[in-house]
Amino acid sequence: MMLQMARQDVVANNLANVNTSGFKKNTAVAKAFPDMLISRLGECKEDKQGQLKVQSPVVIGRLGTGASISGIYTDFDNNNLKKTDSPCDLAITGAGYFVVQTPEGQRFTRCGEFKINSEGILTTNSGYPVLDSNDSPITIEGEFLIDEQGNINVDGENITRLKIVNFNDLQILERLGDNLLNSPEEPYVMERPEMLQGYIEQSNVNAVKEMVTLISVVRAYESLQKMVQAEDEIMGQAIDKVGSIN
């Protein structure tokens, strides 16, 4: 039952982020506990000399002992793009992550829904500055264009370049709030990133598939719940009968 509850939490989180830009869906992977071998104890039979001998145990089959969560894994497949025509919106079309500065240090995101604050600094919707290749906030004053490699041109003059990084093992990334990620390992800078201005990356959650999975999980949970209730009733009846013996 705990396995189904964990799966339900993962699916619910996926559905809650179906409209979150750059969100990558999670999948709960289960692993089975070791099976138990069921055998019938050897029977005693007389041999030709009339002596009793114990026969070898007869294997009946295997008994499953349940399952647990092996891990929660993220599907990092690239998502569909949505055109917005906003110059502050950016979508990474290949691998890589934007780098933003938070009070806790540098964090990473695929969500390119940015804005320019009152000080002219390019930030996330939560107000965290987006960093350039020099690990500095990006100040934009005037008309600007961002090319496919992340070079920022203001009024026709190149001022800086977006910092795009990647990781050797994406599964080590830790989800945080505000659509941000953290990593226990240092990322490496991508020399030739690929991105589009005026687009955002959509979530890769398929709402229909997640709803089907959710229904399956709920039904499995309800079936297990009925089994537990039935076993509890049987145990209760057994206790009552034992207690009624004089």
Protein backbone atom coordinates (compact mmCIF):
# COMPACT_ATOMS: atom_id res chain seq x y z
CA MET A 1 0.00 0.00 0.00
CA MET A 2 2.89 2.35 0.74
CA LEU A 3 4.18 1.72 -2.78
CA GLN A 4 0.86 2.77 -4.30
CA MET A 5 0.74 5.85 -2.06
CA ALA A 6 4.21 6.87 -3.26
CA ARG A 7 3.19 6.32 -6.89
CA GLN A 8 0.07 8.40 -6.31
CA ASP A 9 2.14 11.27 -4.89
CA VAL A 10 4.43 11.23 -7.93
CA VAL A 11 1.54 11.21 -10.41
CA ALA A 12 -0.26 13.98 -8.51
CA ASN A 13 2.88 16.13 -8.63
CA ASN A 14 3.19 15.53 -12.38
CA LEU A 15 -0.42 16.59 -12.93
CA ALA A 16 0.06 19.68 -10.78
CA ASN A 17 2.92 20.76 -13.07
CA VAL A 18 1.31 19.97 -16.42
CA ASN A 19 1.43 23.70 -17.28
CA THR A 20 4.79 24.47 -15.65
CA SER A 21 7.35 25.59 -18.23
CA GLY A 22 10.35 23.29 -18.52
CA PHE A 23 9.00 20.75 -16.03
CA LYS A 24 10.25 17.17 -16.43
CA LYS A 25 7.92 14.42 -15.24
CA ASN A 26 8.90 11.90 -12.59
CA THR A 27 8.32 8.15 -12.53
CA ALA A 28 8.30 5.96 -9.42
CA VAL A 29 10.14 2.70 -10.07
CA ALA A 30 9.34 -0.31 -7.86
CA LYS A 31 11.51 -3.20 -6.77
CA ALA A 32 10.33 -6.53 -5.36
CA PHE A 33 11.42 -7.94 -2.04
CA PRO A 34 13.06 -11.39 -2.23
CA ASP A 35 10.60 -14.23 -2.88
CA MET A 36 10.11 -17.03 -0.38
CA LEU A 37 10.31 -20.65 -1.51
CA ILE A 38 7.33 -22.71 -0.38
CA SER A 39 7.97 -26.41 0.16
CA ARG A 40 5.98 -29.29 1.63
CA LEU A 41 7.95 -30.97 4.39
CA GLY A 42 9.23 -34.42 3.59
CA GLU A 43 6.86 -37.28 4.39
CA CYS A 44 7.89 -40.40 6.29
CA LYS A 45 7.48 -43.62 4.34
CA GLU A 46 8.54 -47.21 4.90
CA ASP A 47 11.13 -48.65 2.59
CA LYS A 48 11.26 -52.29 1.46
CA GLN A 49 13.01 -53.24 4.68
CA GLY A 50 10.23 -51.66 6.75
CA GLN A 51 12.33 -48.75 7.96
CA LEU A 52 10.94 -45.22 8.05
CA LYS A 53 12.69 -42.74 5.80
CA VAL A 54 12.05 -39.03 5.39
CA GLN A 55 11.37 -38.05 1.81
CA SER A 56 12.94 -34.94 0.26
CA PRO A 57 10.84 -31.75 0.57
CA VAL A 58 8.57 -31.08 -2.41
CA VAL A 59 8.70 -27.56 -3.85
CA ILE A 60 5.22 -26.07 -4.19
CA GLY A 61 6.11 -22.64 -5.55
CA ARG A 62 7.23 -19.15 -4.62
CA LEU A 63 5.57 -16.55 -2.42
CA GLY A 64 6.03 -12.85 -3.13
CA THR A 65 6.79 -10.69 -0.11
CA GLY A 66 5.80 -7.32 -1.53
CA ALA A 67 7.51 -4.40 -3.22
CA SER A 68 8.94 -1.00 -2.40
CA ILE A 69 10.12 2.12 -4.20
CA SER A 70 13.48 1.59 -5.87
CA GLY A 71 13.73 5.26 -6.74
CA ILE A 72 12.04 8.21 -8.38
CA TYR A 73 13.49 8.92 -11.79
CA THR A 74 13.07 11.93 -14.04
CA ASP A 75 12.27 11.82 -17.75
CA PHE A 76 14.64 14.38 -19.28
CA ASP A 77 13.30 14.16 -22.83
CA ASN A 78 13.01 17.57 -24.47
CA ASN A 79 9.54 19.07 -24.41
CA ASN A 80 7.45 20.83 -27.03
CA LEU A 81 8.00 24.54 -27.56
CA LYS A 82 5.37 27.25 -27.32
CA LYS A 83 5.77 30.50 -29.23
CA THR A 84 5.18 33.63 -27.13
CA ASP A 85 7.01 36.34 -29.14
CA SER A 86 8.16 37.84 -25.84
CA PRO A 87 11.85 38.85 -26.09
CA CYS A 88 12.40 37.77 -22.48
CA ASP A 89 11.20 34.22 -23.09
CA LEU A 90 13.91 31.68 -23.94
CA ALA A 91 13.74 27.98 -24.69
CA ILE A 92 16.75 25.66 -24.69
CA THR A 93 16.17 23.35 -27.65
CA GLY A 94 18.97 20.92 -26.82
CA ALA A 95 20.70 19.94 -23.61
CA GLY A 96 21.58 22.36 -20.84
CA TYR A 97 20.26 24.57 -18.05
CA PHE A 98 20.08 28.28 -17.32
CA VAL A 99 22.00 29.41 -14.24
CA VAL A 100 20.37 31.77 -11.73
CA GLN A 101 21.64 33.35 -8.53
CA THR A 102 19.70 32.71 -5.32
CA PRO A 103 20.51 33.61 -1.70
CA GLU A 104 21.61 29.98 -1.23
CA GLY A 105 23.93 30.03 -4.26
CA GLN A 106 23.69 29.19 -7.94
CA ARG A 107 20.74 27.10 -9.04
CA PHE A 108 19.65 25.70 -12.39
CA THR A 109 16.45 25.69 -14.43
CA ARG A 110 14.99 24.81 -17.82
CA CYS A 111 12.24 27.39 -17.40
CA GLY A 112 13.06 30.39 -19.58
CA GLU A 113 10.12 32.60 -18.61
CA PHE A 114 12.23 35.62 -17.70
CA LYS A 115 11.53 39.30 -17.16
CA ILE A 116 13.48 42.53 -16.79
CA ASN A 117 13.06 44.11 -13.35
CA SER A 118 12.98 47.79 -12.45
CA GLU A 119 16.79 47.88 -12.35
CA GLY A 120 17.10 46.48 -15.86
CA ILE A 121 18.30 43.05 -14.68
CA LEU A 122 17.13 39.87 -16.41
CA THR A 123 15.48 37.68 -13.75
CA THR A 124 13.21 34.70 -13.26
CA ASN A 125 9.56 35.28 -12.36
CA SER A 126 10.61 34.81 -8.72
CA GLY A 127 13.16 37.62 -9.01
CA TYR A 128 16.39 35.59 -9.16
CA PRO A 129 19.00 37.13 -11.51
CA VAL A 130 19.94 35.12 -14.58
CA LEU A 131 23.74 34.80 -14.87
CA ASP A 132 26.03 35.31 -17.83
CA SER A 133 29.23 33.46 -18.72
CA ASN A 134 31.11 35.57 -16.15
CA ASP A 135 28.70 34.57 -13.34
CA SER A 136 27.33 38.12 -13.28
CA PRO A 137 23.72 39.35 -13.47
CA ILE A 138 22.68 40.54 -16.93
CA THR A 139 21.67 44.19 -17.25
CA ILE A 140 19.71 45.06 -20.38
CA GLU A 141 18.87 48.63 -21.41
CA GLY A 142 17.30 49.00 -24.82
CA GLU A 143 16.19 46.71 -27.65
CA PHE A 144 17.85 43.31 -27.40
CA LEU A 145 18.20 40.07 -29.31
CA ILE A 146 19.51 36.71 -28.12
CA ASP A 147 20.90 34.35 -30.74
CA GLU A 148 20.89 30.54 -30.77
CA GLN A 149 24.16 30.35 -28.81
CA GLY A 150 22.95 32.69 -26.07
CA ASN A 151 24.83 35.81 -27.18
CA ILE A 152 22.96 38.94 -26.05
CA ASN A 153 22.97 41.94 -28.39
CA VAL A 154 21.61 45.29 -27.19
CA ASP A 155 21.01 47.91 -29.88
CA GLY A 156 23.16 45.86 -32.25
CA GLU A 157 26.11 45.51 -29.86
CA ASN A 158 27.09 42.25 -28.16
CA ILE A 159 27.22 42.82 -24.39
CA THR A 160 27.52 39.33 -22.91
CA ARG A 161 26.50 35.70 -23.22
CA LEU A 162 24.11 33.55 -21.22
CA LYS A 163 25.70 30.85 -19.08
CA ILE A 164 24.34 27.44 -20.05
CA VAL A 165 25.57 24.39 -18.15
CA ASN A 166 24.97 20.66 -18.16
CA PHE A 167 25.69 17.61 -15.99
CA ASN A 168 27.26 14.22 -16.57
CA ASP A 169 24.47 12.49 -14.63
CA LEU A 170 21.11 14.26 -14.76
CA GLN A 171 19.55 11.88 -12.23
CA ILE A 172 21.59 13.46 -9.41
CA LEU A 173 19.71 16.75 -9.79
CA GLU A 174 17.60 17.71 -6.79
CA ARG A 175 14.27 19.45 -7.26
CA LEU A 176 13.72 22.67 -5.32
CA GLY A 177 10.90 25.19 -5.26
CA ASP A 178 10.34 27.86 -7.93
CA ASN A 179 11.12 25.34 -10.69
CA LEU A 180 14.80 25.30 -9.70
CA LEU A 181 17.30 22.46 -9.45
CA ASN A 182 20.41 21.88 -7.38
CA SER A 183 23.30 19.48 -7.89
CA PRO A 184 25.82 17.92 -5.49
CA GLU A 185 28.34 17.95 -8.35
CA GLU A 186 29.81 20.83 -10.32
CA PRO A 187 28.30 21.31 -13.79
CA TYR A 188 30.28 21.95 -16.94
CA VAL A 189 29.74 24.95 -19.20
CA MET A 190 28.31 24.24 -22.65
CA GLU A 191 30.30 25.94 -25.39
CA ARG A 192 27.64 25.62 -28.09
CA PRO A 193 24.18 25.67 -26.52
CA GLU A 194 21.04 25.79 -28.63
CA MET A 195 18.12 28.07 -27.79
CA LEU A 196 15.33 30.15 -29.28
CA GLN A 197 14.16 33.61 -28.24
CA GLY A 198 10.42 34.22 -28.05
CA TYR A 199 9.63 30.62 -27.10
CA ILE A 200 9.17 28.68 -23.87
CA GLU A 201 9.62 24.99 -23.25
CA GLN A 202 6.42 23.30 -22.15
CA SER A 203 6.07 20.54 -19.58
CA ASN A 204 6.62 17.00 -20.88
CA VAL A 205 3.75 15.68 -18.76
CA ASN A 206 1.02 13.95 -20.77
CA ALA A 207 -2.12 14.69 -18.74
CA VAL A 208 -4.15 11.84 -20.29
CA LYS A 209 -1.49 9.21 -19.57
CA GLU A 210 -1.02 10.50 -16.03
CA MET A 211 -4.77 10.33 -15.37
CA VAL A 212 -4.85 6.73 -16.62
CA THR A 213 -1.92 5.90 -14.34
CA LEU A 214 -3.63 7.63 -11.41
CA ILE A 215 -6.81 5.59 -11.90
CA SER A 216 -4.75 2.38 -12.02
CA VAL A 217 -2.89 3.33 -8.84
CA VAL A 218 -6.10 4.20 -6.96
CA ARG A 219 -7.72 0.90 -7.96
CA ALA A 220 -4.65 -1.06 -6.87
CA TYR A 221 -4.66 0.77 -3.53
CA GLU A 222 -8.36 0.05 -3.00
CA SER A 223 -7.83 -3.66 -3.78
CA LEU A 224 -5.00 -3.88 -1.26
CA GLN A 225 -7.11 -2.04 1.29
CA LYS A 226 -9.92 -4.59 0.90
CA MET A 227 -7.43 -7.44 1.32
CA VAL A 228 -6.14 -5.93 4.56
CA GLN A 229 -9.69 -5.43 5.84
CA ALA A 230 -10.61 -9.03 4.98
CA GLU A 231 -7.53 -10.36 6.76
CA ASP A 232 -8.31 -8.20 9.78
CA GLU A 233 -11.86 -9.59 9.92
CA ILE A 234 -10.58 -13.18 9.70
CA MET A 235 -8.11 -12.56 12.51
CA GLY A 236 -10.86 -10.97 14.59
CA GLN A 237 -13.13 -13.98 14.11
CA ALA A 238 -10.29 -16.35 15.02
CA ILE A 239 -9.57 -14.42 18.21
CA ASP A 240 -13.28 -14.43 19.15
CA LYS A 241 -13.52 -18.20 18.65
CA VAL A 242 -10.39 -18.89 20.67
CA GLY A 243 -11.66 -16.64 23.44
CA SER A 244 -15.04 -18.40 23.53
CA ILE A 245 -13.53 -21.86 24.19
CA ASN A 246 -14.23 -22.96 27.77
